[in-house]
All heavy atoms as atom14 arrays in JSON, in Angstrom:
{
  "sequence": "DLQGVGMKLTDVGIATLAKGYKGFKGNCSISFIEQFRALHQC",
  "atom14_mask": [
    [1, 1, 1, 1, 1, 1, 1, 1, 0, 0, 0, 0, 0, 0],
    [1, 1, 1, 1, 1, 1, 1, 1, 0, 0, 0, 0, 0, 0],
    [1, 1, 1, 1, 1, 1, 1, 1, 1, 0, 0, 0, 0, 0],
    [1, 1, 1, 1, 0, 0, 0, 0, 0, 0, 0, 0, 0, 0],
    [1, 1, 1, 1, 1, 1, 1, 0, 0, 0, 0, 0, 0, 0],
    [1, 1, 1, 1, 0, 0, 0, 0, 0, 0, 0, 0, 0, 0],
    [1, 1, 1, 1, 1, 1, 1, 1, 0, 0, 0, 0, 0, 0],
    [1, 1, 1, 1, 1, 1, 1, 1, 1, 0, 0, 0, 0, 0],
    [1, 1, 1, 1, 1, 1, 1, 1, 0, 0, 0, 0, 0, 0],
    [1, 1, 1, 1, 1, 1, 1, 0, 0, 0, 0, 0, 0, 0],
    [1, 1, 1, 1, 1, 1, 1, 1, 0, 0, 0, 0, 0, 0],
    [1, 1, 1, 1, 1, 1, 1, 0, 0, 0, 0, 0, 0, 0],
    [1, 1, 1, 1, 0, 0, 0, 0, 0, 0, 0, 0, 0, 0],
    [1, 1, 1, 1, 1, 1, 1, 1, 0, 0, 0, 0, 0, 0],
    [1, 1, 1, 1, 1, 0, 0, 0, 0, 0, 0, 0, 0, 0],
    [1, 1, 1, 1, 1, 1, 1, 0, 0, 0, 0, 0, 0, 0],
    [1, 1, 1, 1, 1, 1, 1, 1, 0, 0, 0, 0, 0, 0],
    [1, 1, 1, 1, 1, 0, 0, 0, 0, 0, 0, 0, 0, 0],
    [1, 1, 1, 1, 1, 1, 1, 1, 1, 0, 0, 0, 0, 0],
    [1, 1, 1, 1, 0, 0, 0, 0, 0, 0, 0, 0, 0, 0],
    [1, 1, 1, 1, 1, 1, 1, 1, 1, 1, 1, 1, 0, 0],
    [1, 1, 1, 1, 1, 1, 1, 1, 1, 0, 0, 0, 0, 0],
    [1, 1, 1, 1, 0, 0, 0, 0, 0, 0, 0, 0, 0, 0],
    [1, 1, 1, 1, 1, 1, 1, 1, 1, 1, 1, 0, 0, 0],
    [1, 1, 1, 1, 1, 1, 1, 1, 1, 0, 0, 0, 0, 0],
    [1, 1, 1, 1, 0, 0, 0, 0, 0, 0, 0, 0, 0, 0],
    [1, 1, 1, 1, 1, 1, 1, 1, 0, 0, 0, 0, 0, 0],
    [1, 1, 1, 1, 1, 1, 0, 0, 0, 0, 0, 0, 0, 0],
    [1, 1, 1, 1, 1, 1, 0, 0, 0, 0, 0, 0, 0, 0],
    [1, 1, 1, 1, 1, 1, 1, 1, 0, 0, 0, 0, 0, 0],
    [1, 1, 1, 1, 1, 1, 0, 0, 0, 0, 0, 0, 0, 0],
    [1, 1, 1, 1, 1, 1, 1, 1, 1, 1, 1, 0, 0, 0],
    [1, 1, 1, 1, 1, 1, 1, 1, 0, 0, 0, 0, 0, 0],
    [1, 1, 1, 1, 1, 1, 1, 1, 1, 0, 0, 0, 0, 0],
    [1, 1, 1, 1, 1, 1, 1, 1, 1, 0, 0, 0, 0, 0],
    [1, 1, 1, 1, 1, 1, 1, 1, 1, 1, 1, 0, 0, 0],
    [1, 1, 1, 1, 1, 1, 1, 1, 1, 1, 1, 0, 0, 0],
    [1, 1, 1, 1, 1, 0, 0, 0, 0, 0, 0, 0, 0, 0],
    [1, 1, 1, 1, 1, 1, 1, 1, 0, 0, 0, 0, 0, 0],
    [1, 1, 1, 1, 1, 1, 1, 1, 1, 1, 0, 0, 0, 0],
    [1, 1, 1, 1, 1, 1, 1, 1, 1, 0, 0, 0, 0, 0],
    [1, 1, 1, 1, 1, 1, 0, 0, 0, 0, 0, 0, 0, 0]
  ],
  "atom14_positions": [
    [[0.83, -1.2, 0.0], [-0.01, 0.0, 0.0], [0.87, 1.26, 0.0], [0.6, 2.2, 0.71], [-0.96, -0.02, 1.2], [-2.21, 0.78, 0.94], [-2.51, 1.07, -0.24], [-2.9, 1.14, 1.9], [0.0, 0.0, 0.0], [0.0, 0.0, 0.0], [0.0, 0.0, 0.0], [0.0, 0.0, 0.0], [0.0, 0.0, 0.0], [0.0, 0.0, 0.0]],
    [[1.94, 1.25, -0.8], [2.85, 2.39, -0.88], [2.17, 3.52, -1.66], [1.7, 3.32, -2.77], [4.16, 1.99, -1.58], [4.94, 0.91, -0.86], [6.17, 0.46, -1.72], [5.42, 1.38, 0.49], [0.0, 0.0, 0.0], [0.0, 0.0, 0.0], [0.0, 0.0, 0.0], [0.0, 0.0, 0.0], [0.0, 0.0, 0.0], [0.0, 0.0, 0.0]],
    [[2.12, 4.67, -1.04], [1.47, 5.82, -1.62], [2.06, 7.11, -1.08], [2.57, 7.12, 0.02], [-0.04, 5.77, -1.32], [-0.36, 5.65, 0.14], [-1.78, 5.24, 0.4], [-2.68, 5.68, -0.32], [-2.03, 4.4, 1.4], [0.0, 0.0, 0.0], [0.0, 0.0, 0.0], [0.0, 0.0, 0.0], [0.0, 0.0, 0.0], [0.0, 0.0, 0.0]],
    [[1.94, 8.15, -1.85], [2.47, 9.42, -1.41], [2.66, 10.41, -2.54], [2.04, 10.3, -3.61], [0.0, 0.0, 0.0], [0.0, 0.0, 0.0], [0.0, 0.0, 0.0], [0.0, 0.0, 0.0], [0.0, 0.0, 0.0], [0.0, 0.0, 0.0], [0.0, 0.0, 0.0], [0.0, 0.0, 0.0], [0.0, 0.0, 0.0], [0.0, 0.0, 0.0]],
    [[3.52, 11.37, -2.29], [3.79, 12.43, -3.28], [5.28, 12.29, -3.67], [6.15, 12.43, -2.8], [3.52, 13.82, -2.68], [3.91, 14.93, -3.66], [2.04, 13.95, -2.3], [0.0, 0.0, 0.0], [0.0, 0.0, 0.0], [0.0, 0.0, 0.0], [0.0, 0.0, 0.0], [0.0, 0.0, 0.0], [0.0, 0.0, 0.0], [0.0, 0.0, 0.0]],
    [[5.54, 12.02, -4.92], [6.91, 11.82, -5.36], [7.55, 10.66, -4.61], [7.0, 9.56, -4.53], [0.0, 0.0, 0.0], [0.0, 0.0, 0.0], [0.0, 0.0, 0.0], [0.0, 0.0, 0.0], [0.0, 0.0, 0.0], [0.0, 0.0, 0.0], [0.0, 0.0, 0.0], [0.0, 0.0, 0.0], [0.0, 0.0, 0.0], [0.0, 0.0, 0.0]],
    [[8.68, 10.92, -4.02], [9.43, 9.89, -3.28], [9.08, 9.86, -1.78], [9.66, 9.09, -1.05], [10.95, 10.12, -3.44], [11.42, 9.92, -4.85], [11.48, 8.19, -5.33], [12.28, 8.35, -6.89], [0.0, 0.0, 0.0], [0.0, 0.0, 0.0], [0.0, 0.0, 0.0], [0.0, 0.0, 0.0], [0.0, 0.0, 0.0], [0.0, 0.0, 0.0]],
    [[8.16, 10.7, -1.34], [7.76, 10.7, 0.09], [6.47, 9.91, 0.23], [5.45, 10.23, -0.37], [7.57, 12.14, 0.58], [8.88, 12.9, 0.7], [8.74, 14.08, 1.57], [10.15, 14.66, 1.79], [10.25, 15.38, 3.01], [0.0, 0.0, 0.0], [0.0, 0.0, 0.0], [0.0, 0.0, 0.0], [0.0, 0.0, 0.0], [0.0, 0.0, 0.0]],
    [[6.55, 8.86, 1.05], [5.46, 7.91, 1.18], [4.83, 7.98, 2.56], [5.5, 8.26, 3.54], [5.94, 6.5, 0.91], [6.74, 6.29, -0.37], [7.26, 4.88, -0.45], [5.87, 6.6, -1.6], [0.0, 0.0, 0.0], [0.0, 0.0, 0.0], [0.0, 0.0, 0.0], [0.0, 0.0, 0.0], [0.0, 0.0, 0.0], [0.0, 0.0, 0.0]],
    [[3.54, 7.65, 2.64], [2.83, 7.61, 3.91], [1.72, 6.58, 3.88], [1.37, 6.06, 2.81], [2.22, 9.04, 4.22], [1.64, 9.0, 5.52], [1.14, 9.41, 3.22], [0.0, 0.0, 0.0], [0.0, 0.0, 0.0], [0.0, 0.0, 0.0], [0.0, 0.0, 0.0], [0.0, 0.0, 0.0], [0.0, 0.0, 0.0], [0.0, 0.0, 0.0]],
    [[1.15, 6.31, 5.05], [-0.01, 5.43, 5.19], [0.23, 4.05, 4.54], [-0.61, 3.53, 3.82], [-1.25, 6.1, 4.6], [-2.54, 5.45, 5.09], [-2.51, 4.78, 6.17], [-3.55, 5.54, 4.37], [0.0, 0.0, 0.0], [0.0, 0.0, 0.0], [0.0, 0.0, 0.0], [0.0, 0.0, 0.0], [0.0, 0.0, 0.0], [0.0, 0.0, 0.0]],
    [[1.41, 3.47, 4.76], [1.77, 2.19, 4.21], [1.18, 1.05, 5.05], [0.75, 1.26, 6.18], [3.3, 2.05, 4.05], [3.85, 3.14, 3.21], [3.98, 2.0, 5.4], [0.0, 0.0, 0.0], [0.0, 0.0, 0.0], [0.0, 0.0, 0.0], [0.0, 0.0, 0.0], [0.0, 0.0, 0.0], [0.0, 0.0, 0.0], [0.0, 0.0, 0.0]],
    [[1.19, -0.14, 4.5], [0.76, -1.32, 5.22], [1.88, -2.35, 5.19], [2.84, -2.24, 4.4], [0.0, 0.0, 0.0], [0.0, 0.0, 0.0], [0.0, 0.0, 0.0], [0.0, 0.0, 0.0], [0.0, 0.0, 0.0], [0.0, 0.0, 0.0], [0.0, 0.0, 0.0], [0.0, 0.0, 0.0], [0.0, 0.0, 0.0], [0.0, 0.0, 0.0]],
    [[1.76, -3.35, 6.04], [2.7, -4.46, 6.06], [1.94, -5.77, 6.12], [1.03, -5.92, 6.93], [3.66, -4.39, 7.24], [4.61, -3.16, 7.11], [4.52, -5.65, 7.34], [5.6, -3.0, 8.23], [0.0, 0.0, 0.0], [0.0, 0.0, 0.0], [0.0, 0.0, 0.0], [0.0, 0.0, 0.0], [0.0, 0.0, 0.0], [0.0, 0.0, 0.0]],
    [[2.3, -6.68, 5.23], [1.69, -8.01, 5.26], [2.81, -8.97, 5.72], [3.97, -8.84, 5.32], [1.24, -8.43, 3.85], [0.0, 0.0, 0.0], [0.0, 0.0, 0.0], [0.0, 0.0, 0.0], [0.0, 0.0, 0.0], [0.0, 0.0, 0.0], [0.0, 0.0, 0.0], [0.0, 0.0, 0.0], [0.0, 0.0, 0.0], [0.0, 0.0, 0.0]],
    [[2.43, -9.9, 6.58], [3.36, -10.93, 7.04], [2.69, -12.28, 6.86], [1.48, -12.36, 6.69], [3.73, -10.76, 8.54], [2.53, -10.79, 9.3], [4.48, -9.49, 8.79], [0.0, 0.0, 0.0], [0.0, 0.0, 0.0], [0.0, 0.0, 0.0], [0.0, 0.0, 0.0], [0.0, 0.0, 0.0], [0.0, 0.0, 0.0], [0.0, 0.0, 0.0]],
    [[3.5, -13.32, 6.94], [2.94, -14.66, 6.93], [2.1, -14.8, 8.19], [2.22, -13.99, 9.11], [4.05, -15.7, 6.89], [4.9, -15.72, 5.59], [5.94, -16.81, 5.69], [4.02, -15.91, 4.4], [0.0, 0.0, 0.0], [0.0, 0.0, 0.0], [0.0, 0.0, 0.0], [0.0, 0.0, 0.0], [0.0, 0.0, 0.0], [0.0, 0.0, 0.0]],
    [[1.27, -15.83, 8.24], [0.32, -16.0, 9.37], [1.01, -15.96, 10.74], [0.49, -15.42, 11.68], [-0.44, -17.31, 9.2], [0.0, 0.0, 0.0], [0.0, 0.0, 0.0], [0.0, 0.0, 0.0], [0.0, 0.0, 0.0], [0.0, 0.0, 0.0], [0.0, 0.0, 0.0], [0.0, 0.0, 0.0], [0.0, 0.0, 0.0], [0.0, 0.0, 0.0]],
    [[2.21, -16.52, 10.81], [2.92, -16.56, 12.09], [3.63, -15.26, 12.41], [4.21, -15.11, 13.46], [3.9, -17.74, 12.09], [4.99, -17.58, 11.02], [5.87, -18.84, 10.93], [6.84, -18.61, 9.8], [7.41, -19.8, 9.29], [0.0, 0.0, 0.0], [0.0, 0.0, 0.0], [0.0, 0.0, 0.0], [0.0, 0.0, 0.0], [0.0, 0.0, 0.0]],
    [[3.62, -14.31, 11.46], [4.35, -13.05, 11.67], [5.81, -13.2, 11.25], [6.22, -14.18, 10.69], [0.0, 0.0, 0.0], [0.0, 0.0, 0.0], [0.0, 0.0, 0.0], [0.0, 0.0, 0.0], [0.0, 0.0, 0.0], [0.0, 0.0, 0.0], [0.0, 0.0, 0.0], [0.0, 0.0, 0.0], [0.0, 0.0, 0.0], [0.0, 0.0, 0.0]],
    [[6.57, -12.14, 11.51], [7.98, -12.15, 11.18], [8.75, -11.54, 12.33], [8.56, -10.38, 12.65], [8.25, -11.37, 9.9], [9.69, -11.31, 9.49], [10.36, -12.43, 9.04], [10.42, -10.13, 9.63], [11.68, -12.38, 8.72], [11.77, -10.06, 9.28], [12.41, -11.23, 8.81], [13.72, -11.18, 8.48], [0.0, 0.0, 0.0], [0.0, 0.0, 0.0]],
    [[9.58, -12.33, 12.99], [10.4, -11.91, 14.13], [9.56, -11.17, 15.17], [9.9, -10.11, 15.67], [11.54, -10.99, 13.65], [12.54, -11.73, 12.76], [13.74, -10.88, 12.47], [14.74, -11.67, 11.65], [15.98, -10.95, 11.41], [0.0, 0.0, 0.0], [0.0, 0.0, 0.0], [0.0, 0.0, 0.0], [0.0, 0.0, 0.0], [0.0, 0.0, 0.0]],
    [[8.4, -11.76, 15.48], [7.54, -11.23, 16.52], [6.6, -10.12, 16.03], [5.82, -9.59, 16.81], [0.0, 0.0, 0.0], [0.0, 0.0, 0.0], [0.0, 0.0, 0.0], [0.0, 0.0, 0.0], [0.0, 0.0, 0.0], [0.0, 0.0, 0.0], [0.0, 0.0, 0.0], [0.0, 0.0, 0.0], [0.0, 0.0, 0.0], [0.0, 0.0, 0.0]],
    [[6.7, -9.73, 14.76], [5.89, -8.64, 14.23], [4.79, -9.21, 13.35], [5.06, -10.02, 12.45], [6.76, -7.67, 13.4], [6.0, -6.57, 12.77], [5.64, -5.44, 13.52], [5.62, -6.62, 11.44], [4.92, -4.4, 12.91], [4.91, -5.6, 10.85], [4.55, -4.49, 11.59], [0.0, 0.0, 0.0], [0.0, 0.0, 0.0], [0.0, 0.0, 0.0]],
    [[3.53, -8.79, 13.58], [2.42, -9.17, 12.71], [1.97, -7.94, 11.97], [1.75, -6.88, 12.57], [1.31, -9.77, 13.52], [1.56, -11.2, 13.9], [0.23, -11.89, 14.18], [0.47, -13.38, 14.18], [-0.56, -14.11, 13.55], [0.0, 0.0, 0.0], [0.0, 0.0, 0.0], [0.0, 0.0, 0.0], [0.0, 0.0, 0.0], [0.0, 0.0, 0.0]],
    [[1.8, -8.07, 10.67], [1.36, -6.96, 9.85], [-0.11, -6.62, 9.96], [-0.84, -7.32, 10.69], [0.0, 0.0, 0.0], [0.0, 0.0, 0.0], [0.0, 0.0, 0.0], [0.0, 0.0, 0.0], [0.0, 0.0, 0.0], [0.0, 0.0, 0.0], [0.0, 0.0, 0.0], [0.0, 0.0, 0.0], [0.0, 0.0, 0.0], [0.0, 0.0, 0.0]],
    [[-0.53, -5.59, 9.28], [-1.93, -5.17, 9.34], [-2.64, -5.45, 7.99], [-3.76, -5.01, 7.81], [-2.01, -3.66, 9.64], [-1.35, -2.79, 8.62], [-0.5, -3.21, 7.87], [-1.74, -1.53, 8.6], [0.0, 0.0, 0.0], [0.0, 0.0, 0.0], [0.0, 0.0, 0.0], [0.0, 0.0, 0.0], [0.0, 0.0, 0.0], [0.0, 0.0, 0.0]],
    [[-2.0, -6.17, 7.08], [-2.57, -6.53, 5.82], [-2.64, -8.04, 5.66], [-1.84, -8.76, 6.28], [-1.79, -5.91, 4.66], [-1.81, -4.12, 4.64], [0.0, 0.0, 0.0], [0.0, 0.0, 0.0], [0.0, 0.0, 0.0], [0.0, 0.0, 0.0], [0.0, 0.0, 0.0], [0.0, 0.0, 0.0], [0.0, 0.0, 0.0], [0.0, 0.0, 0.0]],
    [[-3.51, -8.52, 4.83], [-3.68, -9.92, 4.57], [-2.46, -10.6, 3.95], [-1.75, -9.96, 3.16], [-4.89, -10.13, 3.67], [-4.95, -11.43, 3.16], [0.0, 0.0, 0.0], [0.0, 0.0, 0.0], [0.0, 0.0, 0.0], [0.0, 0.0, 0.0], [0.0, 0.0, 0.0], [0.0, 0.0, 0.0], [0.0, 0.0, 0.0], [0.0, 0.0, 0.0]],
    [[-2.25, -11.83, 4.28], [-1.16, -12.63, 3.67], [-1.34, -12.73, 2.15], [-0.37, -12.89, 1.43], [-1.11, -14.05, 4.3], [0.13, -14.78, 3.83], [-2.36, -14.85, 4.01], [0.34, -16.12, 4.51], [0.0, 0.0, 0.0], [0.0, 0.0, 0.0], [0.0, 0.0, 0.0], [0.0, 0.0, 0.0], [0.0, 0.0, 0.0], [0.0, 0.0, 0.0]],
    [[-2.57, -12.55, 1.68], [-2.82, -12.62, 0.22], [-2.03, -11.57, -0.55], [-1.71, -11.76, -1.72], [-4.32, -12.49, -0.1], [-4.79, -11.21, 0.23], [0.0, 0.0, 0.0], [0.0, 0.0, 0.0], [0.0, 0.0, 0.0], [0.0, 0.0, 0.0], [0.0, 0.0, 0.0], [0.0, 0.0, 0.0], [0.0, 0.0, 0.0], [0.0, 0.0, 0.0]],
    [[-1.68, -10.45, 0.12], [-0.89, -9.41, -0.54], [0.51, -9.95, -0.89], [1.06, -9.6, -1.93], [-0.74, -8.18, 0.32], [-2.05, -7.47, 0.64], [-2.17, -6.7, 1.76], [-3.16, -7.61, -0.18], [-3.34, -6.07, 2.05], [-4.33, -6.98, 0.08], [-4.45, -6.19, 1.21], [0.0, 0.0, 0.0], [0.0, 0.0, 0.0], [0.0, 0.0, 0.0]],
    [[1.05, -10.8, -0.04], [2.35, -11.42, -0.32], [2.22, -12.36, -1.49], [3.05, -12.35, -2.41], [2.9, -12.18, 0.94], [3.19, -11.19, 2.06], [4.13, -12.98, 0.57], [3.65, -11.84, 3.36], [0.0, 0.0, 0.0], [0.0, 0.0, 0.0], [0.0, 0.0, 0.0], [0.0, 0.0, 0.0], [0.0, 0.0, 0.0], [0.0, 0.0, 0.0]],
    [[1.17, -13.17, -1.5], [0.94, -14.11, -2.62], [0.75, -13.36, -3.95], [1.31, -13.75, -4.96], [-0.25, -14.98, -2.3], [-0.05, -15.86, -1.1], [-1.35, -16.38, -0.47], [-2.45, -16.06, -0.98], [-1.25, -17.11, 0.52], [0.0, 0.0, 0.0], [0.0, 0.0, 0.0], [0.0, 0.0, 0.0], [0.0, 0.0, 0.0], [0.0, 0.0, 0.0]],
    [[-0.05, -12.28, -3.9], [-0.26, -11.48, -5.09], [1.03, -10.86, -5.6], [1.32, -10.84, -6.8], [-1.3, -10.39, -4.83], [-2.69, -10.9, -4.67], [-3.64, -9.81, -4.21], [-3.27, -8.67, -4.05], [-4.9, -10.18, -3.99], [0.0, 0.0, 0.0], [0.0, 0.0, 0.0], [0.0, 0.0, 0.0], [0.0, 0.0, 0.0], [0.0, 0.0, 0.0]],
    [[1.81, -10.31, -4.67], [3.05, -9.69, -5.07], [3.97, -10.68, -5.72], [4.54, -10.46, -6.79], [3.76, -9.06, -3.83], [5.13, -8.5, -4.18], [5.23, -7.28, -4.85], [6.27, -9.18, -3.87], [6.46, -6.77, -5.21], [7.5, -8.69, -4.23], [7.6, -7.45, -4.88], [0.0, 0.0, 0.0], [0.0, 0.0, 0.0], [0.0, 0.0, 0.0]],
    [[4.1, -11.86, -5.12], [4.97, -12.9, -5.66], [4.53, -13.29, -7.05], [5.36, -13.52, -7.93], [4.93, -14.11, -4.71], [5.9, -15.21, -5.06], [5.96, -16.3, -4.02], [4.65, -16.8, -3.67], [4.26, -17.03, -2.4], [5.08, -16.79, -1.4], [3.05, -17.49, -2.15], [0.0, 0.0, 0.0], [0.0, 0.0, 0.0], [0.0, 0.0, 0.0]],
    [[3.23, -13.32, -7.3], [2.71, -13.75, -8.61], [2.76, -12.64, -9.66], [2.95, -12.9, -10.82], [1.26, -14.23, -8.44], [0.0, 0.0, 0.0], [0.0, 0.0, 0.0], [0.0, 0.0, 0.0], [0.0, 0.0, 0.0], [0.0, 0.0, 0.0], [0.0, 0.0, 0.0], [0.0, 0.0, 0.0], [0.0, 0.0, 0.0], [0.0, 0.0, 0.0]],
    [[2.6, -11.36, -9.23], [2.45, -10.28, -10.19], [3.65, -9.37, -10.36], [3.7, -8.64, -11.36], [1.25, -9.39, -9.77], [-0.11, -10.1, -9.68], [-1.17, -9.14, -9.11], [-0.54, -10.64, -11.04], [0.0, 0.0, 0.0], [0.0, 0.0, 0.0], [0.0, 0.0, 0.0], [0.0, 0.0, 0.0], [0.0, 0.0, 0.0], [0.0, 0.0, 0.0]],
    [[4.6, -9.39, -9.46], [5.72, -8.48, -9.56], [6.54, -8.69, -10.83], [6.88, -9.82, -11.17], [6.65, -8.6, -8.34], [7.91, -7.77, -8.45], [7.89, -6.41, -8.37], [9.19, -8.13, -8.64], [9.11, -5.93, -8.51], [9.92, -6.96, -8.67], [0.0, 0.0, 0.0], [0.0, 0.0, 0.0], [0.0, 0.0, 0.0], [0.0, 0.0, 0.0]],
    [[6.83, -7.57, -11.52], [7.69, -7.63, -12.67], [8.96, -6.8, -12.35], [8.85, -5.62, -12.04], [7.0, -7.01, -13.88], [5.83, -7.84, -14.34], [5.09, -7.21, -15.53], [5.43, -6.13, -15.95], [4.08, -7.9, -16.01], [0.0, 0.0, 0.0], [0.0, 0.0, 0.0], [0.0, 0.0, 0.0], [0.0, 0.0, 0.0], [0.0, 0.0, 0.0]],
    [[10.09, -7.45, -12.4], [11.33, -6.77, -12.07], [11.58, -5.64, -13.07], [11.15, -5.68, -14.2], [12.52, -7.74, -12.11], [12.54, -8.85, -10.7], [0.0, 0.0, 0.0], [0.0, 0.0, 0.0], [0.0, 0.0, 0.0], [0.0, 0.0, 0.0], [0.0, 0.0, 0.0], [0.0, 0.0, 0.0], [0.0, 0.0, 0.0], [0.0, 0.0, 0.0]]
  ]
}
């Protein structure tokens, strides 16, 4: 959920796997990770 003006970003989200990552749980669905993996073009 990267958004902002130019290179300055705000109101981002974080998706983690169900178990979290190093004690941190994100605020977005794990499906965002799956979608990114499937749709990202380098």
